[in-house]
Amino acid sequence: MASPTHSKLIDIAGWIGAALIIIGYGLYATGIIPDIIIYHLLNLFGSIGVAAISYYRKVWQPAIINTCFAVFATIAVIRHFL
């Protein structure tokens, strides 16, 4: 079993991840950030946070979905710089 400090850090990562995904989508959808790379980076780090808390809590559906989103965002970021 994880320590209370470790559990709290995972919870914080999950909340930050959720915030990053919402902020990224909102900023991109409203045209505030027209650069797609910023959206992909926010989605990448947000998805990692949500996947981490989902995996920790053993909630597999969001863990799998957000792992896929993180992989797709990573591919998009790599392709952007190639």
C-alpha atoms as a PDB file:
ATOM      1  CA  MET A   1       0.000   0.000   0.000  1.00  0.00           C
ATOM      2  CA  ALA A   2       1.236   3.459  -0.840  1.00  0.00           C
ATOM      3  CA  SER A   3       2.056   5.979   1.850  1.00  0.00           C
ATOM      4  CA  PRO A   4      -0.403   8.829   2.458  1.00  0.00           C
ATOM      5  CA  THR A   5       2.112  11.264   0.935  1.00  0.00           C
ATOM      6  CA  HIS A   6       2.445   9.154  -2.216  1.00  0.00           C
ATOM      7  CA  SER A   7      -1.330   8.837  -2.480  1.00  0.00           C
ATOM      8  CA  LYS A   8      -1.725  12.610  -2.121  1.00  0.00           C
ATOM      9  CA  LEU A   9       0.871  13.258  -4.860  1.00  0.00           C
ATOM     10  CA  ILE A  10      -0.929  10.893  -7.235  1.00  0.00           C
ATOM     11  CA  ASP A  11      -4.223  12.659  -6.480  1.00  0.00           C
ATOM     12  CA  ILE A  12      -2.623  16.029  -7.204  1.00  0.00           C
ATOM     13  CA  ALA A  13      -1.167  14.695 -10.482  1.00  0.00           C
ATOM     14  CA  GLY A  14      -4.649  13.533 -11.486  1.00  0.00           C
ATOM     15  CA  TRP A  15      -6.242  16.915 -10.759  1.00  0.00           C
ATOM     16  CA  ILE A  16      -3.469  18.794 -12.538  1.00  0.00           C
ATOM     17  CA  GLY A  17      -3.826  16.414 -15.479  1.00  0.00           C
ATOM     18  CA  ALA A  18      -7.557  16.986 -15.698  1.00  0.00           C
ATOM     19  CA  ALA A  19      -7.027  20.755 -15.524  1.00  0.00           C
ATOM     20  CA  LEU A  20      -4.391  20.668 -18.277  1.00  0.00           C
ATOM     21  CA  ILE A  21      -6.679  18.712 -20.607  1.00  0.00           C
ATOM     22  CA  ILE A  22      -9.598  21.087 -20.013  1.00  0.00           C
ATOM     23  CA  ILE A  23      -7.431  24.208 -20.299  1.00  0.00           C
ATOM     24  CA  GLY A  24      -5.759  22.939 -23.479  1.00  0.00           C
ATOM     25  CA  TYR A  25      -9.018  22.075 -25.152  1.00  0.00           C
ATOM     26  CA  GLY A  26     -10.691  25.303 -24.077  1.00  0.00           C
ATOM     27  CA  LEU A  27      -7.818  27.503 -25.222  1.00  0.00           C
ATOM     28  CA  TYR A  28      -7.477  25.741 -28.560  1.00  0.00           C
ATOM     29  CA  ALA A  29     -11.231  25.509 -29.245  1.00  0.00           C
ATOM     30  CA  THR A  30     -11.715  29.219 -28.580  1.00  0.00           C
ATOM     31  CA  GLY A  31      -8.714  30.213 -30.686  1.00  0.00           C
ATOM     32  CA  ILE A  32      -6.800  31.709 -27.781  1.00  0.00           C
ATOM     33  CA  ILE A  33      -3.864  29.435 -28.583  1.00  0.00           C
ATOM     34  CA  PRO A  34      -3.740  28.904 -32.325  1.00  0.00           C
ATOM     35  CA  ASP A  35      -0.549  26.825 -32.060  1.00  0.00           C
ATOM     36  CA  ILE A  36      -1.475  23.140 -32.163  1.00  0.00           C
ATOM     37  CA  ILE A  37       1.788  22.103 -30.485  1.00  0.00           C
ATOM     38  CA  ILE A  38       0.791  23.824 -27.236  1.00  0.00           C
ATOM     39  CA  TYR A  39      -2.506  21.958 -27.305  1.00  0.00           C
ATOM     40  CA  HIS A  40      -0.725  18.641 -27.852  1.00  0.00           C
ATOM     41  CA  LEU A  41       1.736  19.313 -25.025  1.00  0.00           C
ATOM     42  CA  LEU A  42      -1.062  20.223 -22.608  1.00  0.00           C
ATOM     43  CA  ASN A  43      -2.938  17.102 -23.680  1.00  0.00           C
ATOM     44  CA  LEU A  44       0.192  14.953 -23.301  1.00  0.00           C
ATOM     45  CA  PHE A  45       0.981  16.039 -19.746  1.00  0.00           C
ATOM     46  CA  GLY A  46      -2.682  16.126 -18.769  1.00  0.00           C
ATOM     47  CA  SER A  47      -3.274  12.612 -20.057  1.00  0.00           C
ATOM     48  CA  ILE A  48      -0.258  11.318 -18.149  1.00  0.00           C
ATOM     49  CA  GLY A  49      -1.667  12.766 -14.920  1.00  0.00           C
ATOM     50  CA  VAL A  50      -5.138  11.331 -15.453  1.00  0.00           C
ATOM     51  CA  ALA A  51      -3.724   7.966 -16.536  1.00  0.00           C
ATOM     52  CA  ALA A  52      -1.554   7.871 -13.394  1.00  0.00           C
ATOM     53  CA  ILE A  53      -4.435   8.415 -10.972  1.00  0.00           C
ATOM     54  CA  SER A  54      -6.669   6.048 -12.948  1.00  0.00           C
ATOM     55  CA  TYR A  55      -4.017   3.322 -12.858  1.00  0.00           C
ATOM     56  CA  TYR A  56      -3.383   3.927  -9.156  1.00  0.00           C
ATOM     57  CA  ARG A  57      -7.105   3.659  -8.371  1.00  0.00           C
ATOM     58  CA  LYS A  58      -7.433   0.665 -10.745  1.00  0.00           C
ATOM     59  CA  VAL A  59     -10.028   2.376 -12.924  1.00  0.00           C
ATOM     60  CA  TRP A  60      -9.017   0.877 -16.219  1.00  0.00           C
ATOM     61  CA  GLN A  61     -11.198   2.671 -18.778  1.00  0.00           C
ATOM     62  CA  PRO A  62      -9.779   6.187 -18.217  1.00  0.00           C
ATOM     63  CA  ALA A  63      -6.305   4.710 -17.684  1.00  0.00           C
ATOM     64  CA  ILE A  64      -6.394   3.100 -21.135  1.00  0.00           C
ATOM     65  CA  ILE A  65      -8.025   6.076 -22.871  1.00  0.00           C
ATOM     66  CA  ASN A  66      -5.548   8.565 -21.421  1.00  0.00           C
ATOM     67  CA  THR A  67      -2.576   6.326 -22.142  1.00  0.00           C
ATOM     68  CA  CYS A  68      -3.711   6.272 -25.782  1.00  0.00           C
ATOM     69  CA  PHE A  69      -4.161  10.063 -25.767  1.00  0.00           C
ATOM     70  CA  ALA A  70      -0.644  10.456 -24.347  1.00  0.00           C
ATOM     71  CA  VAL A  71       0.783   8.212 -27.078  1.00  0.00           C
ATOM     72  CA  PHE A  72      -1.082  10.115 -29.806  1.00  0.00           C
ATOM     73  CA  ALA A  73       0.040  13.468 -28.394  1.00  0.00           C
ATOM     74  CA  THR A  74       3.633  12.227 -28.239  1.00  0.00           C
ATOM     75  CA  ILE A  75       3.464  11.192 -31.891  1.00  0.00           C
ATOM     76  CA  ALA A  76       1.990  14.580 -32.826  1.00  0.00           C
ATOM     77  CA  VAL A  77       4.734  16.454 -30.956  1.00  0.00           C
ATOM     78  CA  ILE A  78       7.464  14.346 -32.574  1.00  0.00           C
ATOM     79  CA  ARG A  79       5.968  14.826 -36.047  1.00  0.00           C
ATOM     80  CA  HIS A  80       5.722  18.563 -35.434  1.00  0.00           C
ATOM     81  CA  PHE A  81       9.464  18.833 -34.907  1.00  0.00           C
ATOM     82  CA  LEU A  82      10.497  16.526 -37.777  1.00  0.00           C
END
